[in-house]
Amino acid sequence: MEESKYLGSDQTPTVPPTSDERTMAILSHILTIVAPILAPLIIYLVKKDESSYVAWHARESLNFQITVVLVCILLVISVIGLLVVWAVGIAALILVIIATIRASEGKLYKYPFTWRLIK
């Protein structure tokens, strides 16, 4: 597999986002460091009808954070997983940084290895 598959993918939206939309998209990713599921959920619920760009990023961020939390719970339950849960945290932080950069560039970013539970 190529490296880009592991780092996610991005695409250019049909309508360029405004500065405010980019800011909200950035916040939907970067605030997950403080409030993993809560931040993108609030942004998604407030902005989903106003901006498809912000809704996309908030939904992707929410799906990724739900996936990370579920994987961490499964790892903590298993004894061997307790030793590698830190690696999931580091990988999640790296992917959040990449998503934040893509959002600031005005691109639609798709996290890799994510269960898309919120459509």
Protein backbone atom coordinates (compact mmCIF):
# COMPACT_ATOMS: atom_id res chain seq x y z
CA MET A 1 0.00 0.00 0.00
CA GLU A 2 1.10 3.50 -0.57
CA GLU A 3 1.87 5.85 2.27
CA SER A 4 -1.09 8.15 1.56
CA LYS A 5 -3.52 5.31 2.39
CA TYR A 6 -2.16 5.27 5.94
CA LEU A 7 -2.35 9.04 6.34
CA GLY A 8 -5.87 9.44 5.00
CA SER A 9 -7.05 11.15 1.86
CA ASP A 10 -8.26 14.58 0.90
CA GLN A 11 -10.19 16.18 -1.89
CA THR A 12 -11.02 19.69 -2.96
CA PRO A 13 -14.61 20.77 -2.25
CA THR A 14 -16.75 22.00 -5.13
CA VAL A 15 -17.34 25.34 -3.38
CA PRO A 16 -14.32 26.89 -1.65
CA PRO A 17 -14.93 27.37 2.09
CA THR A 18 -15.01 30.79 3.68
CA SER A 19 -12.54 31.79 6.36
CA ASP A 20 -15.13 31.17 9.09
CA GLU A 21 -15.91 27.71 7.71
CA ARG A 22 -12.22 26.82 7.69
CA THR A 23 -11.89 28.03 11.29
CA MET A 24 -14.81 25.87 12.45
CA ALA A 25 -13.41 22.88 10.54
CA ILE A 26 -10.02 23.38 12.19
CA LEU A 27 -11.68 23.59 15.61
CA SER A 28 -13.62 20.38 14.99
CA HIS A 29 -10.28 18.56 14.74
CA ILE A 30 -7.95 20.39 17.13
CA LEU A 31 -10.42 20.61 20.02
CA THR A 32 -10.50 16.80 20.15
CA ILE A 33 -7.22 17.00 22.06
CA VAL A 34 -9.21 18.51 24.96
CA ALA A 35 -12.69 17.02 24.41
CA PRO A 36 -12.40 13.96 22.13
CA ILE A 37 -16.05 13.26 21.26
CA LEU A 38 -17.81 16.29 22.69
CA ALA A 39 -16.11 19.01 20.60
CA PRO A 40 -16.85 17.63 17.12
CA LEU A 41 -20.34 16.55 18.23
CA ILE A 42 -21.27 20.07 19.34
CA ILE A 43 -19.81 21.63 16.19
CA TYR A 44 -21.62 19.08 14.03
CA LEU A 45 -24.99 19.63 15.72
CA VAL A 46 -24.69 23.43 15.58
CA LYS A 47 -23.26 23.83 12.06
CA LYS A 48 -24.53 20.82 10.06
CA ASP A 49 -27.36 22.78 8.42
CA GLU A 50 -25.32 25.94 7.85
CA SER A 51 -22.22 24.59 6.12
CA SER A 52 -21.59 21.31 4.34
CA TYR A 53 -17.83 21.92 4.66
CA VAL A 54 -17.96 22.25 8.45
CA ALA A 55 -20.41 19.34 8.68
CA TRP A 56 -18.02 17.14 6.67
CA HIS A 57 -15.05 17.89 8.94
CA ALA A 58 -17.04 17.64 12.17
CA ARG A 59 -18.59 14.32 11.06
CA GLU A 60 -15.20 12.90 10.05
CA SER A 61 -13.65 14.05 13.31
CA LEU A 62 -16.53 12.61 15.34
CA ASN A 63 -16.36 9.26 13.55
CA PHE A 64 -12.60 9.10 14.07
CA GLN A 65 -12.84 9.96 17.76
CA ILE A 66 -15.55 7.34 18.30
CA THR A 67 -13.34 4.78 16.55
CA VAL A 68 -10.32 5.70 18.68
CA VAL A 69 -12.31 5.49 21.92
CA LEU A 70 -13.76 2.10 20.98
CA VAL A 71 -10.34 0.73 20.00
CA CYS A 72 -8.82 2.01 23.25
CA ILE A 73 -11.60 0.41 25.29
CA LEU A 74 -11.03 -2.91 23.52
CA LEU A 75 -7.27 -2.65 24.06
CA VAL A 76 -7.62 -1.80 27.74
CA ILE A 77 -9.90 -4.82 28.24
CA SER A 78 -7.23 -7.13 26.86
CA VAL A 79 -4.02 -7.48 28.85
CA ILE A 80 -1.66 -7.28 25.85
CA GLY A 81 -3.58 -4.29 24.47
CA LEU A 82 -2.85 -2.35 27.61
CA LEU A 83 0.79 -2.28 26.50
CA VAL A 84 0.05 -0.78 23.07
CA VAL A 85 -2.76 1.66 23.82
CA TRP A 86 -0.19 4.48 23.94
CA ALA A 87 0.63 3.82 20.26
CA VAL A 88 -3.02 4.42 19.34
CA GLY A 89 -2.88 7.75 21.15
CA ILE A 90 0.24 8.85 19.29
CA ALA A 91 -1.18 7.76 15.93
CA ALA A 92 -4.45 9.56 16.69
CA LEU A 93 -2.59 12.77 17.58
CA ILE A 94 -0.62 12.63 14.32
CA LEU A 95 -3.78 12.08 12.28
CA VAL A 96 -5.58 14.93 14.09
CA ILE A 97 -2.68 17.25 13.19
CA ILE A 98 -2.83 16.15 9.54
CA ALA A 99 -6.62 16.67 9.47
CA THR A 100 -6.22 20.12 11.01
CA ILE A 101 -3.70 21.09 8.35
CA ARG A 102 -5.94 19.82 5.54
CA ALA A 103 -8.91 21.73 6.98
CA SER A 104 -6.82 24.92 7.09
CA GLU A 105 -5.93 24.34 3.42
CA GLY A 106 -9.63 24.20 2.55
CA LYS A 107 -9.67 20.48 1.70
CA LEU A 108 -12.07 17.73 2.70
CA TYR A 109 -10.03 15.23 4.74
CA LYS A 110 -10.94 11.58 5.29
CA TYR A 111 -9.32 9.78 8.24
CA PRO A 112 -7.93 6.30 7.55
CA PHE A 113 -9.00 3.23 9.56
CA THR A 114 -12.27 4.86 10.65
CA TRP A 115 -15.68 3.32 11.20
CA ARG A 116 -18.10 5.77 9.66
CA LEU A 117 -20.94 5.45 12.17
CA ILE A 118 -22.34 8.97 11.67
CA LYS A 119 -23.40 9.47 8.06
